[in-house]
Amino acid sequence: MALRAIRVMGDEILTKACREVKEMTPKYCQLVDDMLETMYEANGVGLAAPQVGILRRIAVVDIGEGPIVLVNPVILETSGEQTGDEGCLSLPGKAAEVTRPNYVRVRTYDENMEEYEIEGEELLARALCHEIEHLDGHMYVEKANGPIHDVEYDEEEA
């Protein structure tokens, strides 16, 4: 496993739609491992492949319940609404208020290309939507309800 450089807002790759993964090659398996390591090192809850410079539909999420690997994810259903501060590893030290669905159901594949569905509420729903949007070339700031503001995390939270 290796840490990968996280691309920051302004990098053109973050505005591009990712291509579908046809098969999980050893290179993509390594990418998943590297993305998880990079996400944990940066104290994030999600990371999408374009954030590390790869235009493929792969993302990882962990809201504290264990890692979730998403390959070619598709949102099938959403409901409800939640509004709260949202940040991104590609815009470090910043956050903005964003309204997202409170519930989401996603069809995706795991690292073995086995199809599954995942349902999430609250933080998991927010993280799934956030990472899938990255795969389509979008960032949360496009949905911000107000200004982007600085955030600081104490060592205890991080």
C-alpha atoms as a PDB file:
ATOM      1  CA  MET A   1       0.000   0.000   0.000  1.00  0.00           C
ATOM      2  CA  ALA A   2       1.096   3.549  -0.627  1.00  0.00           C
ATOM      3  CA  LEU A   3      -0.129   7.022   0.110  1.00  0.00           C
ATOM      4  CA  ARG A   4      -1.268   8.903  -2.972  1.00  0.00           C
ATOM      5  CA  ALA A   5      -1.269  12.662  -3.488  1.00  0.00           C
ATOM      6  CA  ILE A   6      -4.746  14.129  -3.107  1.00  0.00           C
ATOM      7  CA  ARG A   7      -5.683  16.531  -5.897  1.00  0.00           C
ATOM      8  CA  VAL A   8      -7.125  19.833  -4.715  1.00  0.00           C
ATOM      9  CA  MET A   9      -9.897  22.016  -6.084  1.00  0.00           C
ATOM     10  CA  GLY A  10      -8.705  23.784  -9.198  1.00  0.00           C
ATOM     11  CA  ASP A  11      -7.128  20.617 -10.596  1.00  0.00           C
ATOM     12  CA  GLU A  12      -8.893  19.959 -13.896  1.00  0.00           C
ATOM     13  CA  ILE A  13      -9.131  16.204 -13.257  1.00  0.00           C
ATOM     14  CA  LEU A  14     -11.717  16.883 -10.527  1.00  0.00           C
ATOM     15  CA  THR A  15     -14.098  18.278 -13.169  1.00  0.00           C
ATOM     16  CA  LYS A  16     -14.018  15.234 -15.465  1.00  0.00           C
ATOM     17  CA  ALA A  17     -16.442  12.297 -15.522  1.00  0.00           C
ATOM     18  CA  CYS A  18     -14.827   8.944 -14.766  1.00  0.00           C
ATOM     19  CA  ARG A  19     -14.895   5.883 -16.986  1.00  0.00           C
ATOM     20  CA  GLU A  20     -16.520   2.628 -15.924  1.00  0.00           C
ATOM     21  CA  VAL A  21     -14.340  -0.201 -14.615  1.00  0.00           C
ATOM     22  CA  LYS A  22     -14.731  -3.264 -16.862  1.00  0.00           C
ATOM     23  CA  GLU A  23     -12.665  -5.643 -14.690  1.00  0.00           C
ATOM     24  CA  MET A  24     -10.740  -5.390 -11.445  1.00  0.00           C
ATOM     25  CA  THR A  25      -7.135  -5.737 -12.492  1.00  0.00           C
ATOM     26  CA  PRO A  26      -4.291  -6.000  -9.973  1.00  0.00           C
ATOM     27  CA  LYS A  27      -3.634  -2.309 -10.716  1.00  0.00           C
ATOM     28  CA  TYR A  28      -7.177  -1.371  -9.629  1.00  0.00           C
ATOM     29  CA  CYS A  29      -6.975  -3.608  -6.541  1.00  0.00           C
ATOM     30  CA  GLN A  30      -3.781  -1.753  -5.585  1.00  0.00           C
ATOM     31  CA  LEU A  31      -5.565   1.548  -6.227  1.00  0.00           C
ATOM     32  CA  VAL A  32      -8.350   0.569  -3.791  1.00  0.00           C
ATOM     33  CA  ASP A  33      -5.781  -0.329  -1.108  1.00  0.00           C
ATOM     34  CA  ASP A  34      -3.880   2.921  -1.690  1.00  0.00           C
ATOM     35  CA  MET A  35      -7.081   4.971  -1.597  1.00  0.00           C
ATOM     36  CA  LEU A  36      -8.095   3.458   1.740  1.00  0.00           C
ATOM     37  CA  GLU A  37      -4.654   4.132   3.206  1.00  0.00           C
ATOM     38  CA  THR A  38      -4.679   7.694   1.841  1.00  0.00           C
ATOM     39  CA  MET A  39      -8.196   8.362   3.157  1.00  0.00           C
ATOM     40  CA  TYR A  40      -7.332   7.095   6.655  1.00  0.00           C
ATOM     41  CA  GLU A  41      -4.053   9.034   6.744  1.00  0.00           C
ATOM     42  CA  ALA A  42      -5.963  12.226   5.847  1.00  0.00           C
ATOM     43  CA  ASN A  43      -8.712  11.508   8.428  1.00  0.00           C
ATOM     44  CA  GLY A  44     -11.374  11.451   5.726  1.00  0.00           C
ATOM     45  CA  VAL A  45     -14.605   9.472   5.482  1.00  0.00           C
ATOM     46  CA  GLY A  46     -14.455   9.022   1.714  1.00  0.00           C
ATOM     47  CA  LEU A  47     -12.189   9.277  -1.285  1.00  0.00           C
ATOM     48  CA  ALA A  48     -12.890   8.949  -5.011  1.00  0.00           C
ATOM     49  CA  ALA A  49     -10.390   7.863  -7.659  1.00  0.00           C
ATOM     50  CA  PRO A  50     -10.234  11.256  -9.428  1.00  0.00           C
ATOM     51  CA  GLN A  51      -9.079  12.773  -6.133  1.00  0.00           C
ATOM     52  CA  VAL A  52      -5.886  10.741  -6.556  1.00  0.00           C
ATOM     53  CA  GLY A  53      -5.661  11.425 -10.291  1.00  0.00           C
ATOM     54  CA  ILE A  54      -7.394   8.316 -11.700  1.00  0.00           C
ATOM     55  CA  LEU A  55     -10.463   8.765 -13.923  1.00  0.00           C
ATOM     56  CA  ARG A  56     -12.195   5.497 -13.028  1.00  0.00           C
ATOM     57  CA  ARG A  57     -15.504   4.916 -11.213  1.00  0.00           C
ATOM     58  CA  ILE A  58     -13.980   3.745  -7.923  1.00  0.00           C
ATOM     59  CA  ALA A  59     -14.561   5.254  -4.482  1.00  0.00           C
ATOM     60  CA  VAL A  60     -14.055   4.227  -0.869  1.00  0.00           C
ATOM     61  CA  VAL A  61     -16.035   5.263   2.206  1.00  0.00           C
ATOM     62  CA  ASP A  62     -15.667   4.596   5.921  1.00  0.00           C
ATOM     63  CA  ILE A  63     -17.843   6.474   8.409  1.00  0.00           C
ATOM     64  CA  GLY A  64     -16.340   4.501  11.294  1.00  0.00           C
ATOM     65  CA  GLU A  65     -18.070   1.173  10.625  1.00  0.00           C
ATOM     66  CA  GLY A  66     -15.441  -0.339   8.326  1.00  0.00           C
ATOM     67  CA  PRO A  67     -14.387   0.290   4.737  1.00  0.00           C
ATOM     68  CA  ILE A  68     -16.864   0.251   1.867  1.00  0.00           C
ATOM     69  CA  VAL A  69     -15.541  -0.180  -1.677  1.00  0.00           C
ATOM     70  CA  LEU A  70     -17.661   1.207  -4.500  1.00  0.00           C
ATOM     71  CA  VAL A  71     -16.930   0.232  -8.105  1.00  0.00           C
ATOM     72  CA  ASN A  72     -19.234   1.675 -10.785  1.00  0.00           C
ATOM     73  CA  PRO A  73     -21.791   2.887  -8.195  1.00  0.00           C
ATOM     74  CA  VAL A  74     -25.256   4.032  -9.291  1.00  0.00           C
ATOM     75  CA  ILE A  75     -27.755   5.780  -7.033  1.00  0.00           C
ATOM     76  CA  LEU A  76     -31.061   3.915  -7.313  1.00  0.00           C
ATOM     77  CA  GLU A  77     -33.185   5.779  -4.791  1.00  0.00           C
ATOM     78  CA  THR A  78     -33.064   8.744  -2.445  1.00  0.00           C
ATOM     79  CA  SER A  79     -35.508  10.205   0.048  1.00  0.00           C
ATOM     80  CA  GLY A  80     -35.712  12.757   2.786  1.00  0.00           C
ATOM     81  CA  GLU A  81     -33.425  15.674   3.314  1.00  0.00           C
ATOM     82  CA  GLN A  82     -30.581  16.673   5.612  1.00  0.00           C
ATOM     83  CA  THR A  83     -28.631  19.891   5.760  1.00  0.00           C
ATOM     84  CA  GLY A  84     -25.249  20.232   7.395  1.00  0.00           C
ATOM     85  CA  ASP A  85     -21.630  21.186   7.055  1.00  0.00           C
ATOM     86  CA  GLU A  86     -19.699  19.157   4.515  1.00  0.00           C
ATOM     87  CA  GLY A  87     -16.004  19.103   3.777  1.00  0.00           C
ATOM     88  CA  CYS A  88     -13.732  17.399   1.282  1.00  0.00           C
ATOM     89  CA  LEU A  89     -10.150  16.153   1.231  1.00  0.00           C
ATOM     90  CA  SER A  90      -9.753  18.069  -2.053  1.00  0.00           C
ATOM     91  CA  LEU A  91     -10.566  21.332  -0.261  1.00  0.00           C
ATOM     92  CA  PRO A  92      -8.702  20.949   3.033  1.00  0.00           C
ATOM     93  CA  GLY A  93      -9.606  23.137   5.979  1.00  0.00           C
ATOM     94  CA  LYS A  94     -12.856  24.306   4.363  1.00  0.00           C
ATOM     95  CA  ALA A  95     -16.534  23.388   4.652  1.00  0.00           C
ATOM     96  CA  ALA A  96     -19.924  24.622   3.532  1.00  0.00           C
ATOM     97  CA  GLU A  97     -23.537  23.897   4.342  1.00  0.00           C
ATOM     98  CA  VAL A  98     -24.969  21.383   1.858  1.00  0.00           C
ATOM     99  CA  THR A  99     -28.417  19.794   1.589  1.00  0.00           C
ATOM    100  CA  ARG A 100     -28.373  16.108   0.680  1.00  0.00           C
ATOM    101  CA  PRO A 101     -30.838  13.198   0.770  1.00  0.00           C
ATOM    102  CA  ASN A 102     -31.193  11.650   4.229  1.00  0.00           C
ATOM    103  CA  TYR A 103     -31.521   8.167   2.693  1.00  0.00           C
ATOM    104  CA  VAL A 104     -29.826   6.668  -0.343  1.00  0.00           C
ATOM    105  CA  ARG A 105     -29.772   3.238  -1.972  1.00  0.00           C
ATOM    106  CA  VAL A 106     -26.844   2.438  -4.268  1.00  0.00           C
ATOM    107  CA  ARG A 107     -26.098  -0.468  -6.605  1.00  0.00           C
ATOM    108  CA  THR A 108     -22.375  -1.055  -6.913  1.00  0.00           C
ATOM    109  CA  TYR A 109     -19.647  -3.665  -7.150  1.00  0.00           C
ATOM    110  CA  ASP A 110     -17.017  -4.575  -4.584  1.00  0.00           C
ATOM    111  CA  GLU A 111     -13.291  -5.084  -5.210  1.00  0.00           C
ATOM    112  CA  ASN A 112     -14.069  -8.610  -6.515  1.00  0.00           C
ATOM    113  CA  MET A 113     -16.599  -7.208  -9.039  1.00  0.00           C
ATOM    114  CA  GLU A 114     -19.450  -8.794  -7.125  1.00  0.00           C
ATOM    115  CA  GLU A 115     -22.598  -6.700  -7.370  1.00  0.00           C
ATOM    116  CA  TYR A 116     -24.340  -5.570  -4.192  1.00  0.00           C
ATOM    117  CA  GLU A 117     -26.663  -2.871  -2.932  1.00  0.00           C
ATOM    118  CA  ILE A 118     -25.993  -0.609   0.009  1.00  0.00           C
ATOM    119  CA  GLU A 119     -28.432   1.613   1.858  1.00  0.00           C
ATOM    120  CA  GLY A 120     -27.349   4.532   3.966  1.00  0.00           C
ATOM    121  CA  GLU A 121     -28.893   7.189   6.134  1.00  0.00           C
ATOM    122  CA  GLU A 122     -27.540  10.434   7.529  1.00  0.00           C
ATOM    123  CA  LEU A 123     -23.707  10.507   7.369  1.00  0.00           C
ATOM    124  CA  LEU A 124     -23.440   7.391   5.196  1.00  0.00           C
ATOM    125  CA  ALA A 125     -26.017   8.778   2.742  1.00  0.00           C
ATOM    126  CA  ARG A 126     -24.102  12.076   2.629  1.00  0.00           C
ATOM    127  CA  ALA A 127     -20.759  10.307   2.062  1.00  0.00           C
ATOM    128  CA  LEU A 128     -22.122   8.037  -0.675  1.00  0.00           C
ATOM    129  CA  CYS A 129     -23.670  10.959  -2.568  1.00  0.00           C
ATOM    130  CA  HIS A 130     -20.527  13.079  -2.127  1.00  0.00           C
ATOM    131  CA  GLU A 131     -18.159  10.406  -3.491  1.00  0.00           C
ATOM    132  CA  ILE A 132     -20.426   9.395  -6.380  1.00  0.00           C
ATOM    133  CA  GLU A 133     -20.635  13.054  -7.417  1.00  0.00           C
ATOM    134  CA  HIS A 134     -16.818  13.129  -7.600  1.00  0.00           C
ATOM    135  CA  LEU A 135     -17.027  10.283 -10.130  1.00  0.00           C
ATOM    136  CA  ASP A 136     -19.194  12.534 -12.305  1.00  0.00           C
ATOM    137  CA  GLY A 137     -16.782  15.475 -12.058  1.00  0.00           C
ATOM    138  CA  HIS A 138     -18.625  17.462  -9.389  1.00  0.00           C
ATOM    139  CA  MET A 139     -17.656  18.827  -5.977  1.00  0.00           C
ATOM    140  CA  TYR A 140     -19.827  19.699  -2.990  1.00  0.00           C
ATOM    141  CA  VAL A 141     -19.121  23.422  -3.376  1.00  0.00           C
ATOM    142  CA  GLU A 142     -21.435  23.398  -6.415  1.00  0.00           C
ATOM    143  CA  LYS A 143     -24.312  22.544  -4.022  1.00  0.00           C
ATOM    144  CA  ALA A 144     -23.304  24.826  -1.157  1.00  0.00           C
ATOM    145  CA  ASN A 145     -26.206  26.722   0.436  1.00  0.00           C
ATOM    146  CA  GLY A 146     -23.916  29.511   1.542  1.00  0.00           C
ATOM    147  CA  PRO A 147     -20.303  30.602   1.714  1.00  0.00           C
ATOM    148  CA  ILE A 148     -17.383  28.220   2.098  1.00  0.00           C
ATOM    149  CA  HIS A 149     -15.821  28.736   5.509  1.00  0.00           C
ATOM    150  CA  ASP A 150     -12.683  27.703   7.349  1.00  0.00           C
ATOM    151  CA  VAL A 151     -12.829  24.778   9.743  1.00  0.00           C
ATOM    152  CA  GLU A 152     -10.375  23.620  12.339  1.00  0.00           C
ATOM    153  CA  TYR A 153     -10.234  20.183  13.873  1.00  0.00           C
ATOM    154  CA  ASP A 154      -8.646  19.592  17.241  1.00  0.00           C
ATOM    155  CA  GLU A 155      -6.315  16.646  17.560  1.00  0.00           C
ATOM    156  CA  GLU A 156      -8.983  14.765  19.513  1.00  0.00           C
ATOM    157  CA  GLU A 157     -11.423  14.865  16.562  1.00  0.00           C
ATOM    158  CA  ALA A 158      -8.836  14.159  13.875  1.00  0.00           C
END
